Amino acid sequence: WDAAYERELQTFEDIGDAGEIWFGEESMVRIIRWLEKQKVPLDSPVLDIGTGNGVLLIELAKSGYTNLTGIDYSASAIQLSEKVREKEGMSDINLKVEDFLAPSAELSGFEICIDKGTFDAISLNPDNAVGKRKQYVRSLCSVLKPEGFFLITSCNWTKEELLNEFREGFEILEELPTPKFCFGGRIGNSVTALVFQRKK
């Protein structure tokens, strides 16, 4: 990931392109629309897990959200997101190099946690993926307040699989609509987007 973000950092410095928006613009719109529909207060503490280039946080800030934190375990990703934040004039966004599987003590008290592809990336780790997924759920429980919302966008997991992964400590609130495709007479989604609520 460091190498990938170092390339994106160089590209940003060369031509001002912030790089890849995971799952496209519509994935960010879907998240923001849901938060607005729920009338989530604009000062609610929001954590973007695996923020990458930080573009989701920029869009949230443009929509009026004021208490935004982005973490990534790649220092190059955080460097890139800092440059994107600077260019956009969004100095209020808090960015930190953090490994979500071993979160620091001050990473807590969030009312909203958002994941676009980070759980997917962790799941692909060839070294003890099952243990890392369980640790992810434990970390999520430690940073998200009881009754807080967790919005996840995944291209690796179906709704049923995600319900199973997050069954301990979370309940499903809603499945968000994602683009559908038809193959072999069956209709499916290439992306799953779910909203969970942390149990009391």
Protein backbone atom coordinates (compact mmCIF):
# COMPACT_ATOMS: atom_id res chain seq x y z
CA TRP A 1 0.00 0.00 0.00
CA ASP A 2 2.87 2.38 0.74
CA ALA A 3 4.22 1.93 -2.80
CA ALA A 4 0.75 2.51 -4.29
CA TYR A 5 0.22 5.69 -2.28
CA GLU A 6 3.75 6.93 -3.00
CA ARG A 7 2.87 6.74 -6.73
CA GLU A 8 -0.43 8.56 -6.11
CA LEU A 9 1.43 11.16 -4.02
CA GLN A 10 3.84 11.77 -6.91
CA THR A 11 0.94 12.02 -9.37
CA PHE A 12 -0.83 14.51 -7.08
CA GLU A 13 2.33 16.62 -6.84
CA ASP A 14 2.82 16.44 -10.64
CA ILE A 15 -0.73 17.05 -11.88
CA GLY A 16 -2.98 17.59 -8.84
CA ASP A 17 -4.91 14.33 -9.29
CA ALA A 18 -5.97 12.88 -5.90
CA GLY A 19 -6.07 9.35 -7.34
CA GLU A 20 -8.42 6.42 -7.01
CA ILE A 21 -11.89 6.88 -5.52
CA TRP A 22 -12.71 3.38 -4.34
CA PHE A 23 -16.10 2.21 -5.65
CA GLY A 24 -16.52 5.52 -7.53
CA GLU A 25 -18.27 8.78 -6.77
CA GLU A 26 -21.66 7.12 -6.28
CA SER A 27 -20.34 5.24 -3.25
CA MET A 28 -19.60 8.56 -1.51
CA VAL A 29 -22.95 10.03 -2.53
CA ARG A 30 -24.71 6.92 -1.16
CA ILE A 31 -23.02 7.35 2.24
CA ILE A 32 -23.67 11.10 2.48
CA ARG A 33 -27.31 10.70 1.40
CA TRP A 34 -27.86 8.10 4.11
CA LEU A 35 -26.33 10.34 6.81
CA GLU A 36 -28.50 13.26 5.65
CA LYS A 37 -31.64 11.11 5.51
CA GLN A 38 -31.00 9.99 9.11
CA LYS A 39 -30.46 13.64 10.10
CA VAL A 40 -27.12 12.69 11.67
CA PRO A 41 -25.94 15.89 13.44
CA LEU A 42 -23.21 17.66 11.46
CA ASP A 43 -20.91 17.71 14.51
CA SER A 44 -21.12 13.92 15.09
CA PRO A 45 -17.65 12.39 15.35
CA VAL A 46 -17.01 10.45 12.12
CA LEU A 47 -14.12 8.02 11.50
CA ASP A 48 -13.06 7.02 7.99
CA ILE A 49 -11.26 3.67 8.41
CA GLY A 50 -8.48 3.34 5.84
CA THR A 51 -9.00 6.83 4.45
CA GLY A 52 -6.51 6.51 1.58
CA ASN A 53 -6.48 9.84 -0.26
CA GLY A 54 -9.08 11.31 2.13
CA VAL A 55 -11.50 12.29 -0.65
CA LEU A 56 -14.53 10.89 1.23
CA LEU A 57 -13.71 13.18 4.18
CA ILE A 58 -13.44 16.17 1.80
CA GLU A 59 -16.92 15.38 0.44
CA LEU A 60 -18.31 15.00 3.98
CA ALA A 61 -16.77 18.37 4.93
CA LYS A 62 -18.31 19.98 1.83
CA SER A 63 -21.67 18.57 3.00
CA GLY A 64 -21.26 20.37 6.33
CA TYR A 65 -19.81 17.66 8.61
CA THR A 66 -17.31 19.19 11.01
CA ASN A 67 -15.91 16.44 13.26
CA LEU A 68 -14.01 14.26 10.79
CA THR A 69 -11.10 11.89 11.35
CA GLY A 70 -9.35 9.73 8.80
CA ILE A 71 -6.86 6.99 9.62
CA ASP A 72 -4.64 4.82 7.45
CA TYR A 73 -1.76 2.55 8.34
CA SER A 74 0.11 3.77 5.27
CA ALA A 75 2.08 6.96 6.05
CA SER A 76 2.12 7.73 2.29
CA ALA A 77 -1.70 7.61 2.21
CA ILE A 78 -1.89 10.09 5.09
CA GLN A 79 0.68 12.32 3.36
CA LEU A 80 -1.45 12.25 0.21
CA SER A 81 -4.68 12.97 2.12
CA GLU A 82 -2.94 15.90 3.91
CA LYS A 83 -2.01 17.38 0.51
CA VAL A 84 -5.55 16.87 -0.81
CA ARG A 85 -6.92 18.48 2.39
CA GLU A 86 -4.56 21.45 1.95
CA LYS A 87 -5.51 21.92 -1.71
CA GLU A 88 -9.22 21.89 -0.76
CA GLY A 89 -8.67 24.26 2.18
CA MET A 90 -10.17 21.80 4.68
CA SER A 91 -7.72 22.20 7.57
CA ASP A 92 -10.28 20.96 10.15
CA ILE A 93 -10.10 17.33 8.97
CA ASN A 94 -8.06 15.26 11.43
CA LEU A 95 -5.68 12.74 9.78
CA LYS A 96 -3.57 10.12 11.55
CA VAL A 97 -1.30 7.22 10.72
CA GLU A 98 -2.98 4.39 12.65
CA ASP A 99 -3.26 0.65 12.28
CA PHE A 100 -6.95 -0.08 12.82
CA LEU A 101 -6.10 -3.59 14.00
CA ALA A 102 -4.15 -2.04 16.90
CA PRO A 103 -5.90 1.30 17.51
CA SER A 104 -4.44 3.82 19.95
CA ALA A 105 -6.37 4.64 23.13
CA GLU A 106 -7.44 8.10 21.89
CA LEU A 107 -9.19 6.54 18.89
CA SER A 108 -12.62 6.21 20.51
CA GLY A 109 -16.03 7.79 20.95
CA PHE A 110 -17.06 7.85 17.27
CA GLU A 111 -20.75 7.95 16.39
CA ILE A 112 -20.16 7.01 12.75
CA CYS A 113 -17.50 4.68 11.31
CA ILE A 114 -17.17 4.31 7.54
CA ASP A 115 -15.28 1.63 5.64
CA LYS A 116 -14.93 1.61 1.85
CA GLY A 117 -12.72 -1.36 0.99
CA THR A 118 -10.53 -1.56 4.11
CA PHE A 119 -12.26 -4.66 5.51
CA ASP A 120 -11.87 -6.14 2.01
CA ALA A 121 -8.13 -5.42 1.99
CA ILE A 122 -7.69 -6.88 5.49
CA SER A 123 -9.65 -9.97 4.43
CA LEU A 124 -7.20 -10.58 1.56
CA ASN A 125 -4.18 -10.66 3.87
CA PRO A 126 -2.58 -14.10 3.38
CA ASP A 127 -1.28 -14.06 6.97
CA ASN A 128 -4.09 -15.11 9.36
CA ALA A 129 -6.99 -13.38 7.56
CA VAL A 130 -9.59 -14.93 9.91
CA GLY A 131 -7.80 -13.61 13.01
CA LYS A 132 -7.40 -10.19 11.42
CA ARG A 133 -11.13 -10.03 10.57
CA LYS A 134 -12.02 -10.89 14.19
CA GLN A 135 -9.56 -8.22 15.40
CA TYR A 136 -11.19 -5.71 13.03
CA VAL A 137 -14.58 -6.34 14.68
CA ARG A 138 -13.01 -5.95 18.16
CA SER A 139 -11.35 -2.69 17.07
CA LEU A 140 -14.65 -1.45 15.66
CA CYS A 141 -16.37 -2.16 18.98
CA SER A 142 -13.68 -0.20 20.81
CA VAL A 143 -13.84 2.94 18.61
CA LEU A 144 -17.59 3.10 17.88
CA LYS A 145 -19.99 4.23 20.61
CA PRO A 146 -22.86 1.91 21.57
CA GLU A 147 -25.75 2.59 19.15
CA GLY A 148 -23.28 4.20 16.74
CA PHE A 149 -23.53 3.49 13.01
CA PHE A 150 -21.09 1.52 10.86
CA LEU A 151 -21.37 1.95 7.09
CA ILE A 152 -19.44 -0.60 5.06
CA THR A 153 -18.96 -0.86 1.30
CA SER A 154 -17.46 -4.14 0.08
CA CYS A 155 -16.74 -5.81 -3.23
CA ASN A 156 -15.52 -9.08 -1.66
CA TRP A 157 -18.42 -9.97 0.62
CA THR A 158 -22.13 -10.57 0.12
CA LYS A 159 -24.73 -9.19 2.50
CA GLU A 160 -25.13 -12.62 4.16
CA GLU A 161 -21.37 -12.99 4.66
CA LEU A 162 -21.07 -9.51 6.19
CA LEU A 163 -24.02 -10.20 8.52
CA ASN A 164 -22.08 -13.24 9.70
CA GLU A 165 -18.77 -11.36 10.09
CA PHE A 166 -20.38 -8.58 12.18
CA ARG A 167 -22.95 -10.67 14.08
CA GLU A 168 -21.20 -10.12 17.40
CA GLY A 169 -21.93 -6.65 18.68
CA PHE A 170 -23.81 -5.32 15.63
CA GLU A 171 -27.23 -5.48 14.06
CA ILE A 172 -28.11 -4.71 10.47
CA LEU A 173 -30.18 -1.56 9.96
CA GLU A 174 -30.30 -1.24 6.22
CA GLU A 175 -28.89 -2.39 2.92
CA LEU A 176 -28.06 0.56 0.67
CA PRO A 177 -28.87 0.25 -3.04
CA THR A 178 -25.86 -0.50 -5.24
CA PRO A 179 -25.61 -1.06 -9.00
CA LYS A 180 -27.00 -4.43 -10.15
CA PHE A 181 -25.86 -6.67 -12.99
CA CYS A 182 -27.30 -9.75 -14.67
CA PHE A 183 -25.22 -12.81 -15.48
CA GLY A 184 -26.45 -16.22 -16.53
CA GLY A 185 -30.04 -15.21 -15.83
CA ARG A 186 -29.30 -14.26 -12.21
CA ILE A 187 -29.25 -10.71 -10.85
CA GLY A 188 -26.54 -9.69 -8.44
CA ASN A 189 -24.56 -6.78 -7.07
CA SER A 190 -20.86 -6.23 -7.67
CA VAL A 191 -20.75 -4.16 -4.47
CA THR A 192 -22.49 -4.59 -1.10
CA ALA A 193 -23.23 -1.53 1.06
CA LEU A 194 -24.68 -2.08 4.53
CA VAL A 195 -25.44 0.00 7.59
CA PHE A 196 -24.97 -1.67 10.96
CA GLN A 197 -25.73 -0.31 14.40
CA ARG A 198 -23.56 -1.20 17.36
CA LYS A 199 -25.62 -2.90 20.06
CA LYS A 200 -25.97 -1.21 23.46
